[in-house]
Amino acid sequence: MFDTHCHLTFDCFEGRVDRVLEDARNAGVRGCISIATTTDGLPELTALADTHPEIWFSSGVHPLYSDRPIDWNAMLIAARHPKCVAWGELGLDHHYDQPDRSLQRRVLEDQLAHIESWSAEGLRKPVVIHCRKAFDDLLPVLEASSLPNDRFVFHCFTGDESDARAVLDFGGWISFTGIVTFANATEVARASDLVPDDRIMVETDAPSSPPNLIGPRGPTSRSTSVAPPRSSPGGGDGSLRPSNRCWIGTPPGSSTSTSPDSHPRDPRPRAGGH
């Protein structure tokens, strides 16, 4: 099993990364990709990957950080690291009023332009997409880029069936978190049934979005949760599709949300999201 999207440089993991990785290994998770949200955090991500053979990382700017200083050269330097395997996460987030939507879009377009240029120089990587209530605005921007559509991965998908069809028609991949197991996330679960095996991924988005393994959701205090969820992509029989899907779970003391549209963790303290 491999976790394609987590955030091991978040404060809640400080001093705990080795323990989290040990728990993950014991549960059969052989590696993970720790995803970037800012350019000033890239040195920490690089150092983490250098000192842990099971950690890879991405390089990019999260839309909810688009109002912070951006160092495009730092993003390029990180992307040249041999363990940087993706761009992002980048995209649009319309769930919150801030940062301003026009600023989010400007940073997105600038970021894509840089990635296009660097890709032409040989730095070709998948692109991790953050899209929240923004499919209609985001897909045309991605379509207008010169990057191959099948390189875009829409992470932590919380849309409905029509959004899933739009992403699939576009040619992108769709990745699900534990949100797909929430009792009140039936639209997300139905959307997951539309995604073919060769276009679907599952991630932890740790420390966010643990699966509802048993009973009603509520606060959790476990560092590792790797088990077939009660309902999962591909059906409600508790079987994962395909079999190498996992969640790492939440850190001790973290709280969870009962709404698929109110995620328990966001890179900014002011908001809850993915």
C-alpha atoms as a PDB file:
ATOM      1  CA  MET A   1       0.000   0.000   0.000  1.00  0.00           C
ATOM      2  CA  PHE A   2       1.115   3.558  -0.703  1.00  0.00           C
ATOM      3  CA  ASP A   3      -0.351   6.840   0.580  1.00  0.00           C
ATOM      4  CA  THR A   4      -0.340   9.284  -2.334  1.00  0.00           C
ATOM      5  CA  HIS A   5      -1.288  12.416  -0.377  1.00  0.00           C
ATOM      6  CA  CYS A   6      -0.490  13.465   3.189  1.00  0.00           C
ATOM      7  CA  HIS A   7       1.024  16.463   4.998  1.00  0.00           C
ATOM      8  CA  LEU A   8       3.759  15.255   7.318  1.00  0.00           C
ATOM      9  CA  THR A   9       5.211  18.741   7.856  1.00  0.00           C
ATOM     10  CA  PHE A  10       2.055  20.023   9.563  1.00  0.00           C
ATOM     11  CA  ASP A  11       2.578  21.107  13.164  1.00  0.00           C
ATOM     12  CA  CYS A  12       0.555  18.202  14.568  1.00  0.00           C
ATOM     13  CA  PHE A  13       3.208  15.777  13.288  1.00  0.00           C
ATOM     14  CA  GLU A  14       6.153  17.620  14.833  1.00  0.00           C
ATOM     15  CA  GLY A  15       8.342  15.126  16.663  1.00  0.00           C
ATOM     16  CA  ARG A  16       6.055  12.260  15.646  1.00  0.00           C
ATOM     17  CA  VAL A  17       6.980  11.498  12.040  1.00  0.00           C
ATOM     18  CA  ASP A  18       9.133   8.483  12.862  1.00  0.00           C
ATOM     19  CA  ARG A  19       6.376   6.975  15.002  1.00  0.00           C
ATOM     20  CA  VAL A  20       3.742   7.646  12.335  1.00  0.00           C
ATOM     21  CA  LEU A  21       5.905   5.978   9.695  1.00  0.00           C
ATOM     22  CA  GLU A  22       6.571   3.007  11.956  1.00  0.00           C
ATOM     23  CA  ASP A  23       2.846   2.561  12.567  1.00  0.00           C
ATOM     24  CA  ALA A  24       2.240   2.851   8.835  1.00  0.00           C
ATOM     25  CA  ARG A  25       4.858   0.222   8.027  1.00  0.00           C
ATOM     26  CA  ASN A  26       3.327  -2.135  10.563  1.00  0.00           C
ATOM     27  CA  ALA A  27      -0.008  -1.666   8.804  1.00  0.00           C
ATOM     28  CA  GLY A  28       1.492  -2.447   5.388  1.00  0.00           C
ATOM     29  CA  VAL A  29       1.995   1.098   4.070  1.00  0.00           C
ATOM     30  CA  ARG A  30       5.349   1.117   2.305  1.00  0.00           C
ATOM     31  CA  GLY A  31       5.605   4.813   1.513  1.00  0.00           C
ATOM     32  CA  CYS A  32       3.902   8.174   1.116  1.00  0.00           C
ATOM     33  CA  ILE A  33       4.007  11.506  -0.687  1.00  0.00           C
ATOM     34  CA  SER A  34       4.024  14.543   1.614  1.00  0.00           C
ATOM     35  CA  ILE A  35       2.347  17.351  -0.292  1.00  0.00           C
ATOM     36  CA  ALA A  36       3.516  20.967  -0.463  1.00  0.00           C
ATOM     37  CA  THR A  37       1.252  23.912   0.343  1.00  0.00           C
ATOM     38  CA  THR A  38       3.738  26.851   0.300  1.00  0.00           C
ATOM     39  CA  THR A  39       7.126  27.538  -1.219  1.00  0.00           C
ATOM     40  CA  ASP A  40       8.644  28.570   2.115  1.00  0.00           C
ATOM     41  CA  GLY A  41       7.829  25.091   3.457  1.00  0.00           C
ATOM     42  CA  LEU A  42       9.714  23.297   0.685  1.00  0.00           C
ATOM     43  CA  PRO A  43      13.100  23.091   2.485  1.00  0.00           C
ATOM     44  CA  GLU A  44      11.433  21.206   5.357  1.00  0.00           C
ATOM     45  CA  LEU A  45       9.767  18.811   2.913  1.00  0.00           C
ATOM     46  CA  THR A  46      13.058  18.227   1.127  1.00  0.00           C
ATOM     47  CA  ALA A  47      14.848  17.536   4.408  1.00  0.00           C
ATOM     48  CA  LEU A  48      12.113  15.115   5.452  1.00  0.00           C
ATOM     49  CA  ALA A  49      12.478  13.174   2.202  1.00  0.00           C
ATOM     50  CA  ASP A  50      16.273  13.176   2.513  1.00  0.00           C
ATOM     51  CA  THR A  51      16.157  11.594   5.967  1.00  0.00           C
ATOM     52  CA  HIS A  52      13.308   9.117   5.388  1.00  0.00           C
ATOM     53  CA  PRO A  53      13.579   6.680   2.472  1.00  0.00           C
ATOM     54  CA  GLU A  54       9.820   6.026   2.477  1.00  0.00           C
ATOM     55  CA  ILE A  55       8.852   9.690   1.974  1.00  0.00           C
ATOM     56  CA  TRP A  56       8.583  11.500  -1.366  1.00  0.00           C
ATOM     57  CA  PHE A  57       7.135  15.003  -1.854  1.00  0.00           C
ATOM     58  CA  SER A  58       5.592  17.549  -4.226  1.00  0.00           C
ATOM     59  CA  SER A  59       6.345  21.178  -5.063  1.00  0.00           C
ATOM     60  CA  GLY A  60       3.629  23.807  -5.368  1.00  0.00           C
ATOM     61  CA  VAL A  61       1.320  26.401  -3.814  1.00  0.00           C
ATOM     62  CA  HIS A  62      -2.098  25.611  -2.305  1.00  0.00           C
ATOM     63  CA  PRO A  63      -4.842  28.074  -3.363  1.00  0.00           C
ATOM     64  CA  LEU A  64      -5.608  28.976   0.252  1.00  0.00           C
ATOM     65  CA  TYR A  65      -2.017  30.185   0.517  1.00  0.00           C
ATOM     66  CA  SER A  66      -2.138  32.260  -2.670  1.00  0.00           C
ATOM     67  CA  ASP A  67      -2.037  35.527  -0.697  1.00  0.00           C
ATOM     68  CA  ARG A  68       1.364  34.695   0.799  1.00  0.00           C
ATOM     69  CA  PRO A  69       4.772  35.454  -0.732  1.00  0.00           C
ATOM     70  CA  ILE A  70       5.718  32.937  -3.428  1.00  0.00           C
ATOM     71  CA  ASP A  71       9.269  32.062  -4.430  1.00  0.00           C
ATOM     72  CA  TRP A  72       9.029  30.477  -7.855  1.00  0.00           C
ATOM     73  CA  ASN A  73      12.752  29.712  -7.883  1.00  0.00           C
ATOM     74  CA  ALA A  74      12.374  27.758  -4.628  1.00  0.00           C
ATOM     75  CA  MET A  75       9.574  25.767  -6.251  1.00  0.00           C
ATOM     76  CA  LEU A  76      11.862  24.952  -9.183  1.00  0.00           C
ATOM     77  CA  ILE A  77      14.797  23.990  -6.960  1.00  0.00           C
ATOM     78  CA  ALA A  78      12.587  21.629  -4.950  1.00  0.00           C
ATOM     79  CA  ALA A  79      11.160  20.116  -8.141  1.00  0.00           C
ATOM     80  CA  ARG A  80      14.664  19.189  -9.277  1.00  0.00           C
ATOM     81  CA  HIS A  81      15.162  17.042  -6.191  1.00  0.00           C
ATOM     82  CA  PRO A  82      15.143  13.334  -7.144  1.00  0.00           C
ATOM     83  CA  LYS A  83      12.388  12.600  -4.615  1.00  0.00           C
ATOM     84  CA  CYS A  84      10.030  15.325  -5.830  1.00  0.00           C
ATOM     85  CA  VAL A  85       7.457  13.337  -7.774  1.00  0.00           C
ATOM     86  CA  ALA A  86       4.606  15.806  -8.402  1.00  0.00           C
ATOM     87  CA  TRP A  87       3.565  19.441  -8.738  1.00  0.00           C
ATOM     88  CA  GLY A  88       1.061  20.930  -6.336  1.00  0.00           C
ATOM     89  CA  GLU A  89      -1.165  20.944  -4.655  1.00  0.00           C
ATOM     90  CA  LEU A  90      -2.639  23.759  -6.701  1.00  0.00           C
ATOM     91  CA  GLY A  91      -6.086  24.810  -7.891  1.00  0.00           C
ATOM     92  CA  LEU A  92      -9.088  26.821  -6.722  1.00  0.00           C
ATOM     93  CA  ASP A  93     -11.091  26.847  -3.486  1.00  0.00           C
ATOM     94  CA  HIS A  94     -14.493  28.566  -3.597  1.00  0.00           C
ATOM     95  CA  HIS A  95     -15.658  27.326  -0.204  1.00  0.00           C
ATOM     96  CA  TYR A  96     -14.114  30.347   1.519  1.00  0.00           C
ATOM     97  CA  ASP A  97     -14.208  34.067   0.788  1.00  0.00           C
ATOM     98  CA  GLN A  98     -10.465  34.482   1.238  1.00  0.00           C
ATOM     99  CA  PRO A  99      -8.062  34.557  -0.469  1.00  0.00           C
ATOM    100  CA  ASP A 100      -9.929  36.490  -3.124  1.00  0.00           C
ATOM    101  CA  ARG A 101     -10.994  34.338  -6.063  1.00  0.00           C
ATOM    102  CA  SER A 102      -9.278  36.601  -8.577  1.00  0.00           C
ATOM    103  CA  LEU A 103      -6.003  36.243  -6.666  1.00  0.00           C
ATOM    104  CA  GLN A 104      -6.397  32.465  -6.471  1.00  0.00           C
ATOM    105  CA  ARG A 105      -6.916  32.323 -10.218  1.00  0.00           C
ATOM    106  CA  ARG A 106      -3.982  34.598 -10.962  1.00  0.00           C
ATOM    107  CA  VAL A 107      -1.630  32.488  -8.829  1.00  0.00           C
ATOM    108  CA  LEU A 108      -3.024  29.318 -10.418  1.00  0.00           C
ATOM    109  CA  GLU A 109      -2.405  30.614 -13.939  1.00  0.00           C
ATOM    110  CA  ASP A 110       1.080  31.837 -13.021  1.00  0.00           C
ATOM    111  CA  GLN A 111       1.866  28.490 -11.419  1.00  0.00           C
ATOM    112  CA  LEU A 112       0.654  26.539 -14.432  1.00  0.00           C
ATOM    113  CA  ALA A 113       2.701  28.757 -16.737  1.00  0.00           C
ATOM    114  CA  HIS A 114       5.836  28.025 -14.711  1.00  0.00           C
ATOM    115  CA  ILE A 115       5.080  24.303 -14.681  1.00  0.00           C
ATOM    116  CA  GLU A 116       4.530  24.331 -18.441  1.00  0.00           C
ATOM    117  CA  SER A 117       7.911  25.973 -18.950  1.00  0.00           C
ATOM    118  CA  TRP A 118       9.705  23.622 -16.555  1.00  0.00           C
ATOM    119  CA  SER A 119       7.961  20.600 -18.077  1.00  0.00           C
ATOM    120  CA  ALA A 120       9.228  21.646 -21.496  1.00  0.00           C
ATOM    121  CA  GLU A 121      12.727  21.555 -19.982  1.00  0.00           C
ATOM    122  CA  GLY A 122      12.190  17.969 -18.853  1.00  0.00           C
ATOM    123  CA  LEU A 123      10.625  18.336 -15.385  1.00  0.00           C
ATOM    124  CA  ARG A 124       7.467  16.434 -16.288  1.00  0.00           C
ATOM    125  CA  LYS A 125       5.438  15.357 -13.256  1.00  0.00           C
ATOM    126  CA  PRO A 126       1.816  14.636 -12.312  1.00  0.00           C
ATOM    127  CA  VAL A 127      -0.104  17.662 -11.010  1.00  0.00           C
ATOM    128  CA  VAL A 128      -2.025  17.380  -7.735  1.00  0.00           C
ATOM    129  CA  ILE A 129      -5.224  19.437  -7.945  1.00  0.00           C
ATOM    130  CA  HIS A 130      -7.153  21.048  -5.086  1.00  0.00           C
ATOM    131  CA  CYS A 131     -10.704  21.762  -6.252  1.00  0.00           C
ATOM    132  CA  ARG A 132     -13.441  22.752  -3.858  1.00  0.00           C
ATOM    133  CA  LYS A 133     -16.764  23.984  -5.241  1.00  0.00           C
ATOM    134  CA  ALA A 134     -14.821  25.225  -8.267  1.00  0.00           C
ATOM    135  CA  PHE A 135     -15.075  22.593 -11.007  1.00  0.00           C
ATOM    136  CA  ASP A 136     -16.792  24.896 -13.512  1.00  0.00           C
ATOM    137  CA  ASP A 137     -14.095  27.557 -13.094  1.00  0.00           C
ATOM    138  CA  LEU A 138     -11.079  25.291 -12.721  1.00  0.00           C
ATOM    139  CA  LEU A 139     -11.491  22.767 -15.531  1.00  0.00           C
ATOM    140  CA  PRO A 140     -11.342  25.381 -18.338  1.00  0.00           C
ATOM    141  CA  VAL A 141      -8.126  26.814 -16.870  1.00  0.00           C
ATOM    142  CA  LEU A 142      -6.526  23.370 -16.817  1.00  0.00           C
ATOM    143  CA  GLU A 143      -7.841  22.601 -20.297  1.00  0.00           C
ATOM    144  CA  ALA A 144      -6.211  25.789 -21.601  1.00  0.00           C
ATOM    145  CA  SER A 145      -2.797  24.718 -20.352  1.00  0.00           C
ATOM    146  CA  SER A 146      -0.420  22.689 -22.508  1.00  0.00           C
ATOM    147  CA  LEU A 147      -0.038  20.030 -19.813  1.00  0.00           C
ATOM    148  CA  PRO A 148      -1.514  16.599 -20.618  1.00  0.00           C
ATOM    149  CA  ASN A 149      -4.965  16.198 -19.089  1.00  0.00           C
ATOM    150  CA  ASP A 150      -4.169  12.728 -17.825  1.00  0.00           C
ATOM    151  CA  ARG A 151      -1.437  14.158 -15.588  1.00  0.00           C
ATOM    152  CA  PHE A 152      -3.945  15.969 -13.344  1.00  0.00           C
ATOM    153  CA  VAL A 153      -5.052  14.233 -10.128  1.00  0.00           C
ATOM    154  CA  PHE A 154      -8.095  15.742  -8.395  1.00  0.00           C
ATOM    155  CA  HIS A 155      -7.274  14.965  -4.782  1.00  0.00           C
ATOM    156  CA  CYS A 156      -9.722  14.606  -1.861  1.00  0.00           C
ATOM    157  CA  PHE A 157     -12.712  14.572  -4.207  1.00  0.00           C
ATOM    158  CA  THR A 158     -15.871  15.887  -2.538  1.00  0.00           C
ATOM    159  CA  GLY A 159     -17.974  16.611  -5.605  1.00  0.00           C
ATOM    160  CA  ASP A 160     -21.032  14.824  -6.923  1.00  0.00           C
ATOM    161  CA  GLU A 161     -21.612  12.521  -9.881  1.00  0.00           C
ATOM    162  CA  SER A 162     -21.769  15.370 -12.405  1.00  0.00           C
ATOM    163  CA  ASP A 163     -18.444  16.739 -11.129  1.00  0.00           C
ATOM    164  CA  ALA A 164     -16.890  13.271 -11.396  1.00  0.00           C
ATOM    165  CA  ARG A 165     -18.151  12.901 -14.979  1.00  0.00           C
ATOM    166  CA  ALA A 166     -16.696  16.309 -15.841  1.00  0.00           C
ATOM    167  CA  VAL A 167     -13.276  15.339 -14.476  1.00  0.00           C
ATOM    168  CA  LEU A 168     -13.352  11.972 -16.244  1.00  0.00           C
ATOM    169  CA  ASP A 169     -14.447  13.571 -19.529  1.00  0.00           C
ATOM    170  CA  PHE A 170     -11.584  16.031 -19.089  1.00  0.00           C
ATOM    171  CA  GLY A 171      -9.225  13.072 -18.758  1.00  0.00           C
ATOM    172  CA  GLY A 172      -8.106  13.508 -15.161  1.00  0.00           C
ATOM    173  CA  TRP A 173      -7.699  11.130 -12.251  1.00  0.00           C
ATOM    174  CA  ILE A 174      -9.849  11.228  -9.110  1.00  0.00           C
ATOM    175  CA  SER A 175      -8.581  10.510  -5.608  1.00  0.00           C
ATOM    176  CA  PHE A 176     -10.774   9.813  -2.571  1.00  0.00           C
ATOM    177  CA  THR A 177     -10.141  10.160   1.154  1.00  0.00           C
ATOM    178  CA  GLY A 178     -11.995   8.693   4.140  1.00  0.00           C
ATOM    179  CA  ILE A 179     -14.768  11.192   3.391  1.00  0.00           C
ATOM    180  CA  VAL A 180     -16.166   8.626   0.944  1.00  0.00           C
ATOM    181  CA  THR A 181     -17.093   6.507   3.988  1.00  0.00           C
ATOM    182  CA  PHE A 182     -19.099   9.227   5.765  1.00  0.00           C
ATOM    183  CA  ALA A 183     -22.778   8.363   6.187  1.00  0.00           C
ATOM    184  CA  ASN A 184     -23.727  11.859   5.008  1.00  0.00           C
ATOM    185  CA  ALA A 185     -21.412  11.805   1.978  1.00  0.00           C
ATOM    186  CA  THR A 186     -23.615   9.653  -0.239  1.00  0.00           C
ATOM    187  CA  GLU A 187     -23.017  11.909  -3.274  1.00  0.00           C
ATOM    188  CA  VAL A 188     -19.272  11.355  -2.950  1.00  0.00           C
ATOM    189  CA  ALA A 189     -19.791   7.591  -2.614  1.00  0.00           C
ATOM    190  CA  ARG A 190     -22.014   7.533  -5.711  1.00  0.00           C
ATOM    191  CA  ALA A 191     -19.415   9.545  -7.598  1.00  0.00           C
ATOM    192  CA  SER A 192     -16.746   7.016  -6.649  1.00  0.00           C
ATOM    193  CA  ASP A 193     -18.746   4.250  -8.336  1.00  0.00           C
ATOM    194  CA  LEU A 194     -18.358   6.068 -11.673  1.00  0.00           C
ATOM    195  CA  VAL A 195     -14.565   6.089 -11.621  1.00  0.00           C
ATOM    196  CA  PRO A 196     -12.884   3.187 -13.460  1.00  0.00           C
ATOM    197  CA  ASP A 197     -10.067   1.277 -11.812  1.00  0.00           C
ATOM    198  CA  ASP A 198      -7.443   2.856 -14.048  1.00  0.00           C
ATOM    199  CA  ARG A 199      -8.436   6.414 -13.053  1.00  0.00           C
ATOM    200  CA  ILE A 200      -9.031   6.121  -9.294  1.00  0.00           C
ATOM    201  CA  MET A 201      -6.735   6.724  -6.330  1.00  0.00           C
ATOM    202  CA  VAL A 202      -7.194   6.795  -2.570  1.00  0.00           C
ATOM    203  CA  GLU A 203      -5.225   8.880  -0.089  1.00  0.00           C
ATOM    204  CA  THR A 204      -5.200   9.775   3.581  1.00  0.00           C
ATOM    205  CA  ASP A 205      -4.824  13.556   3.233  1.00  0.00           C
ATOM    206  CA  ALA A 206      -3.448  13.032   6.750  1.00  0.00           C
ATOM    207  CA  PRO A 207      -3.976  14.484   9.234  1.00  0.00           C
ATOM    208  CA  SER A 208      -7.410  15.029   7.690  1.00  0.00           C
ATOM    209  CA  SER A 209     -10.381  12.898   6.727  1.00  0.00           C
ATOM    210  CA  PRO A 210     -10.051   9.540   8.513  1.00  0.00           C
ATOM    211  CA  PRO A 211     -12.454   6.828   7.333  1.00  0.00           C
ATOM    212  CA  ASN A 212     -15.556   5.896   9.268  1.00  0.00           C
ATOM    213  CA  LEU A 213     -14.433   2.386  10.135  1.00  0.00           C
ATOM    214  CA  ILE A 214     -17.136   1.543  12.653  1.00  0.00           C
ATOM    215  CA  GLY A 215     -20.329   3.171  13.837  1.00  0.00           C
ATOM    216  CA  PRO A 216     -21.132   6.891  13.978  1.00  0.00           C
ATOM    217  CA  ARG A 217     -18.280   9.307  13.374  1.00  0.00           C
ATOM    218  CA  GLY A 218     -16.813  11.253  16.229  1.00  0.00           C
ATOM    219  CA  PRO A 219     -13.500  12.456  17.650  1.00  0.00           C
ATOM    220  CA  THR A 220     -10.604  10.072  17.152  1.00  0.00           C
ATOM    221  CA  SER A 221      -7.274   9.771  18.922  1.00  0.00           C
ATOM    222  CA  ARG A 222      -5.374   7.187  16.950  1.00  0.00           C
ATOM    223  CA  SER A 223      -2.198   7.699  14.992  1.00  0.00           C
ATOM    224  CA  THR A 224      -2.869   4.983  12.419  1.00  0.00           C
ATOM    225  CA  SER A 225      -6.084   3.762  10.823  1.00  0.00           C
ATOM    226  CA  VAL A 226      -5.497   1.321   8.010  1.00  0.00           C
ATOM    227  CA  ALA A 227      -8.404  -1.017   7.370  1.00  0.00           C
ATOM    228  CA  PRO A 228     -11.160  -1.577   4.811  1.00  0.00           C
ATOM    229  CA  PRO A 229     -13.751   1.153   5.412  1.00  0.00           C
ATOM    230  CA  ARG A 230     -17.425   0.472   5.985  1.00  0.00           C
ATOM    231  CA  SER A 231     -18.146   1.744   2.489  1.00  0.00           C
ATOM    232  CA  SER A 232     -15.504   2.434  -0.082  1.00  0.00           C
ATOM    233  CA  PRO A 233     -14.800   3.359  -3.697  1.00  0.00           C
ATOM    234  CA  GLY A 234     -16.334   0.692  -5.861  1.00  0.00           C
ATOM    235  CA  GLY A 235     -19.260  -0.258  -3.656  1.00  0.00           C
ATOM    236  CA  GLY A 236     -20.619  -0.581  -0.141  1.00  0.00           C
ATOM    237  CA  ASP A 237     -19.382  -4.059   0.635  1.00  0.00           C
ATOM    238  CA  GLY A 238     -16.318  -2.834   2.533  1.00  0.00           C
ATOM    239  CA  SER A 239     -13.872  -3.992  -0.112  1.00  0.00           C
ATOM    240  CA  LEU A 240     -11.368  -1.568  -1.579  1.00  0.00           C
ATOM    241  CA  ARG A 241     -10.883  -1.281  -5.331  1.00  0.00           C
ATOM    242  CA  PRO A 242      -8.175  -2.190  -6.137  1.00  0.00           C
ATOM    243  CA  SER A 243      -6.644  -3.736  -3.027  1.00  0.00           C
ATOM    244  CA  ASN A 244      -3.678  -1.434  -2.468  1.00  0.00           C
ATOM    245  CA  ARG A 245      -5.628   1.465  -0.916  1.00  0.00           C
ATOM    246  CA  CYS A 246      -5.128   2.789   2.593  1.00  0.00           C
ATOM    247  CA  TRP A 247      -5.605   5.531   5.152  1.00  0.00           C
ATOM    248  CA  ILE A 248      -3.054   6.481   7.772  1.00  0.00           C
ATOM    249  CA  GLY A 249      -5.603   8.327   9.914  1.00  0.00           C
ATOM    250  CA  THR A 250      -5.385  11.203  12.387  1.00  0.00           C
ATOM    251  CA  PRO A 251      -2.899  12.269  15.038  1.00  0.00           C
ATOM    252  CA  PRO A 252      -3.731  11.969  18.745  1.00  0.00           C
ATOM    253  CA  GLY A 253      -6.046  14.672  19.959  1.00  0.00           C
ATOM    254  CA  SER A 254      -7.255  15.792  16.546  1.00  0.00           C
ATOM    255  CA  SER A 255     -10.956  16.253  15.987  1.00  0.00           C
ATOM    256  CA  THR A 256     -13.010  15.117  13.021  1.00  0.00           C
ATOM    257  CA  SER A 257     -15.958  16.607  11.222  1.00  0.00           C
ATOM    258  CA  THR A 258     -19.293  15.026  10.505  1.00  0.00           C
ATOM    259  CA  SER A 259     -19.753  16.927   7.263  1.00  0.00           C
ATOM    260  CA  PRO A 260     -18.157  15.951   3.957  1.00  0.00           C
ATOM    261  CA  ASP A 261     -17.997  19.681   3.145  1.00  0.00           C
ATOM    262  CA  SER A 262     -16.407  20.734   6.431  1.00  0.00           C
ATOM    263  CA  HIS A 263     -13.101  18.937   6.531  1.00  0.00           C
ATOM    264  CA  PRO A 264     -11.278  18.650   9.842  1.00  0.00           C
ATOM    265  CA  ARG A 265      -8.020  20.105   8.579  1.00  0.00           C
ATOM    266  CA  ASP A 266      -6.973  22.959   6.412  1.00  0.00           C
ATOM    267  CA  PRO A 267      -3.510  24.353   5.768  1.00  0.00           C
ATOM    268  CA  ARG A 268      -4.748  27.700   7.067  1.00  0.00           C
ATOM    269  CA  PRO A 269      -5.907  28.055  10.678  1.00  0.00           C
ATOM    270  CA  ARG A 270      -8.856  30.160   9.599  1.00  0.00           C
ATOM    271  CA  ALA A 271     -10.604  27.467   7.605  1.00  0.00           C
ATOM    272  CA  GLY A 272     -11.455  23.782   7.518  1.00  0.00           C
ATOM    273  CA  GLY A 273     -10.750  22.073   4.238  1.00  0.00           C
ATOM    274  CA  HIS A 274      -8.381  19.883   2.298  1.00  0.00           C
END
